[in-house]
């Protein structure tokens, strides 16, 4: 077996960003759009309340994953991925592919079953 080097501290840092509920859902929309507005995300992400959406966007901005800009028309805010955020997309794609291959291990409520 090939030895794989994984830094627990680094994995923890990535998990801190990606592990919040709704964050992967939000990043999926950023992957397909150059800029996204708050109201667009509210419409696209079913079930997220405005306070949670705002908190997730603030966290992503604080971690340098997205950048917030204010447009001149109607003082609206737009968000877009930074270079750092764009680098996360292949990781999310790999997670998606893993889940598709091993979806039988995940129950309907998204909790991983114990493998005996």
C-alpha atoms as a PDB file:
ATOM      1  CA  UNK A   1       0.000   0.000   0.000  1.00  0.00           C
ATOM      2  CA  UNK A   2       1.295   3.448  -0.902  1.00  0.00           C
ATOM      3  CA  UNK A   3       1.779   5.732   2.062  1.00  0.00           C
ATOM      4  CA  UNK A   4      -0.399   8.824   1.966  1.00  0.00           C
ATOM      5  CA  UNK A   5       0.593  11.917   3.882  1.00  0.00           C
ATOM      6  CA  UNK A   6      -2.369  13.796   5.317  1.00  0.00           C
ATOM      7  CA  UNK A   7      -1.923  16.664   7.742  1.00  0.00           C
ATOM      8  CA  UNK A   8      -4.720  16.535  10.296  1.00  0.00           C
ATOM      9  CA  UNK A   9      -4.346  20.256  10.954  1.00  0.00           C
ATOM     10  CA  UNK A  10      -4.789  21.075   7.278  1.00  0.00           C
ATOM     11  CA  UNK A  11      -7.749  18.727   6.928  1.00  0.00           C
ATOM     12  CA  UNK A  12      -9.267  20.397   9.975  1.00  0.00           C
ATOM     13  CA  UNK A  13      -8.856  23.822   8.393  1.00  0.00           C
ATOM     14  CA  UNK A  14     -10.595  22.686   5.203  1.00  0.00           C
ATOM     15  CA  UNK A  15     -13.334  20.995   7.208  1.00  0.00           C
ATOM     16  CA  UNK A  16     -13.901  24.202   9.155  1.00  0.00           C
ATOM     17  CA  UNK A  17     -14.752  25.919   5.877  1.00  0.00           C
ATOM     18  CA  UNK A  18     -16.562  23.124   4.028  1.00  0.00           C
ATOM     19  CA  UNK A  19     -18.156  21.455   7.040  1.00  0.00           C
ATOM     20  CA  UNK A  20     -20.825  24.043   7.764  1.00  0.00           C
ATOM     21  CA  UNK A  21     -24.304  23.065   6.692  1.00  0.00           C
ATOM     22  CA  UNK A  22     -25.216  24.760   3.401  1.00  0.00           C
ATOM     23  CA  UNK A  23     -21.655  25.762   2.474  1.00  0.00           C
ATOM     24  CA  UNK A  24     -21.145  23.072  -0.209  1.00  0.00           C
ATOM     25  CA  UNK A  25     -24.583  23.925  -1.622  1.00  0.00           C
ATOM     26  CA  UNK A  26     -23.641  27.590  -1.871  1.00  0.00           C
ATOM     27  CA  UNK A  27     -20.274  26.896  -3.467  1.00  0.00           C
ATOM     28  CA  UNK A  28     -21.975  24.784  -6.128  1.00  0.00           C
ATOM     29  CA  UNK A  29     -23.827  27.875  -7.361  1.00  0.00           C
ATOM     30  CA  UNK A  30     -20.671  29.972  -7.334  1.00  0.00           C
ATOM     31  CA  UNK A  31     -19.035  27.330  -9.531  1.00  0.00           C
ATOM     32  CA  UNK A  32     -21.540  27.937 -12.315  1.00  0.00           C
ATOM     33  CA  UNK A  33     -21.968  31.706 -12.107  1.00  0.00           C
ATOM     34  CA  UNK A  34     -19.448  34.522 -12.336  1.00  0.00           C
ATOM     35  CA  UNK A  35     -21.296  36.561  -9.717  1.00  0.00           C
ATOM     36  CA  UNK A  36     -24.240  35.710  -7.484  1.00  0.00           C
ATOM     37  CA  UNK A  37     -26.520  38.007  -5.499  1.00  0.00           C
ATOM     38  CA  UNK A  38     -27.940  37.268  -2.052  1.00  0.00           C
ATOM     39  CA  UNK A  39     -31.514  37.056  -3.348  1.00  0.00           C
ATOM     40  CA  UNK A  40     -30.440  34.610  -6.076  1.00  0.00           C
ATOM     41  CA  UNK A  41     -28.912  32.326  -3.476  1.00  0.00           C
ATOM     42  CA  UNK A  42     -32.071  32.507  -1.373  1.00  0.00           C
ATOM     43  CA  UNK A  43     -34.071  31.362  -4.391  1.00  0.00           C
ATOM     44  CA  UNK A  44     -31.605  28.641  -5.413  1.00  0.00           C
ATOM     45  CA  UNK A  45     -30.884  27.073  -2.019  1.00  0.00           C
ATOM     46  CA  UNK A  46     -34.206  25.710  -0.830  1.00  0.00           C
ATOM     47  CA  UNK A  47     -34.677  25.771   2.932  1.00  0.00           C
ATOM     48  CA  UNK A  48     -31.935  28.179   3.974  1.00  0.00           C
ATOM     49  CA  UNK A  49     -33.110  31.110   6.059  1.00  0.00           C
ATOM     50  CA  UNK A  50     -31.711  34.603   5.424  1.00  0.00           C
ATOM     51  CA  UNK A  51     -29.806  34.754   8.715  1.00  0.00           C
ATOM     52  CA  UNK A  52     -28.024  31.460   8.014  1.00  0.00           C
ATOM     53  CA  UNK A  53     -27.292  32.480   4.430  1.00  0.00           C
ATOM     54  CA  UNK A  54     -25.799  35.741   5.635  1.00  0.00           C
ATOM     55  CA  UNK A  55     -23.669  33.916   8.229  1.00  0.00           C
ATOM     56  CA  UNK A  56     -22.356  31.425   5.651  1.00  0.00           C
ATOM     57  CA  UNK A  57     -21.512  34.185   3.176  1.00  0.00           C
ATOM     58  CA  UNK A  58     -19.750  36.158   5.925  1.00  0.00           C
ATOM     59  CA  UNK A  59     -17.738  33.055   6.866  1.00  0.00           C
ATOM     60  CA  UNK A  60     -16.774  32.328   3.259  1.00  0.00           C
ATOM     61  CA  UNK A  61     -15.728  35.948   2.842  1.00  0.00           C
ATOM     62  CA  UNK A  62     -13.720  35.913   6.091  1.00  0.00           C
ATOM     63  CA  UNK A  63     -11.883  32.784   4.896  1.00  0.00           C
ATOM     64  CA  UNK A  64     -11.090  34.426   1.558  1.00  0.00           C
ATOM     65  CA  UNK A  65     -13.233  31.988  -0.452  1.00  0.00           C
ATOM     66  CA  UNK A  66     -15.565  34.639  -1.873  1.00  0.00           C
ATOM     67  CA  UNK A  67     -15.393  38.387  -2.276  1.00  0.00           C
ATOM     68  CA  UNK A  68     -18.318  40.747  -1.800  1.00  0.00           C
ATOM     69  CA  UNK A  69     -18.722  43.801  -4.006  1.00  0.00           C
ATOM     70  CA  UNK A  70     -21.383  46.479  -3.983  1.00  0.00           C
ATOM     71  CA  UNK A  71     -22.866  47.348  -7.350  1.00  0.00           C
ATOM     72  CA  UNK A  72     -23.740  50.905  -8.263  1.00  0.00           C
ATOM     73  CA  UNK A  73     -27.292  50.006  -9.248  1.00  0.00           C
ATOM     74  CA  UNK A  74     -29.623  49.930  -6.241  1.00  0.00           C
ATOM     75  CA  UNK A  75     -26.704  49.325  -3.852  1.00  0.00           C
ATOM     76  CA  UNK A  76     -26.920  45.567  -4.343  1.00  0.00           C
ATOM     77  CA  UNK A  77     -24.179  43.227  -3.227  1.00  0.00           C
ATOM     78  CA  UNK A  78     -22.705  40.579  -5.457  1.00  0.00           C
ATOM     79  CA  UNK A  79     -20.451  37.733  -4.471  1.00  0.00           C
ATOM     80  CA  UNK A  80     -17.895  35.866  -6.535  1.00  0.00           C
ATOM     81  CA  UNK A  81     -15.291  33.204  -5.936  1.00  0.00           C
ATOM     82  CA  UNK A  82     -11.727  34.263  -5.279  1.00  0.00           C
ATOM     83  CA  UNK A  83      -8.793  32.304  -6.677  1.00  0.00           C
ATOM     84  CA  UNK A  84      -8.652  30.502  -3.332  1.00  0.00           C
ATOM     85  CA  UNK A  85     -12.347  29.644  -3.663  1.00  0.00           C
ATOM     86  CA  UNK A  86     -11.920  28.406  -7.217  1.00  0.00           C
ATOM     87  CA  UNK A  87      -9.239  26.020  -5.958  1.00  0.00           C
ATOM     88  CA  UNK A  88     -11.884  24.367  -3.751  1.00  0.00           C
ATOM     89  CA  UNK A  89     -14.052  23.349  -6.711  1.00  0.00           C
ATOM     90  CA  UNK A  90     -12.056  20.233  -7.689  1.00  0.00           C
ATOM     91  CA  UNK A  91     -12.237  19.095  -4.054  1.00  0.00           C
ATOM     92  CA  UNK A  92     -16.020  19.471  -4.081  1.00  0.00           C
ATOM     93  CA  UNK A  93     -16.170  17.598  -7.380  1.00  0.00           C
ATOM     94  CA  UNK A  94     -14.150  14.749  -5.874  1.00  0.00           C
ATOM     95  CA  UNK A  95     -16.459  14.664  -2.844  1.00  0.00           C
ATOM     96  CA  UNK A  96     -19.444  14.560  -5.190  1.00  0.00           C
ATOM     97  CA  UNK A  97     -17.945  11.697  -7.193  1.00  0.00           C
ATOM     98  CA  UNK A  98     -17.099   9.768  -4.038  1.00  0.00           C
ATOM     99  CA  UNK A  99     -20.666  10.202  -2.767  1.00  0.00           C
ATOM    100  CA  UNK A 100     -22.067   9.037  -6.101  1.00  0.00           C
ATOM    101  CA  UNK A 101     -19.897   5.904  -6.014  1.00  0.00           C
ATOM    102  CA  UNK A 102     -20.599   5.135  -2.368  1.00  0.00           C
ATOM    103  CA  UNK A 103     -24.104   6.540  -1.997  1.00  0.00           C
ATOM    104  CA  UNK A 104     -25.326   3.192  -0.709  1.00  0.00           C
ATOM    105  CA  UNK A 105     -23.425   3.938   2.502  1.00  0.00           C
ATOM    106  CA  UNK A 106     -25.414   7.087   3.153  1.00  0.00           C
ATOM    107  CA  UNK A 107     -28.906   6.895   4.607  1.00  0.00           C
ATOM    108  CA  UNK A 108     -31.798   9.163   3.685  1.00  0.00           C
ATOM    109  CA  UNK A 109     -30.995  11.583   6.503  1.00  0.00           C
ATOM    110  CA  UNK A 110     -27.396  11.949   5.254  1.00  0.00           C
ATOM    111  CA  UNK A 111     -25.852  10.128   8.188  1.00  0.00           C
ATOM    112  CA  UNK A 112     -23.163   7.594   7.322  1.00  0.00           C
ATOM    113  CA  UNK A 113     -24.076   4.065   8.445  1.00  0.00           C
ATOM    114  CA  UNK A 114     -21.553   2.104  10.412  1.00  0.00           C
ATOM    115  CA  UNK A 115     -19.745  -0.393   8.229  1.00  0.00           C
ATOM    116  CA  UNK A 116     -19.335  -3.747   9.965  1.00  0.00           C
END
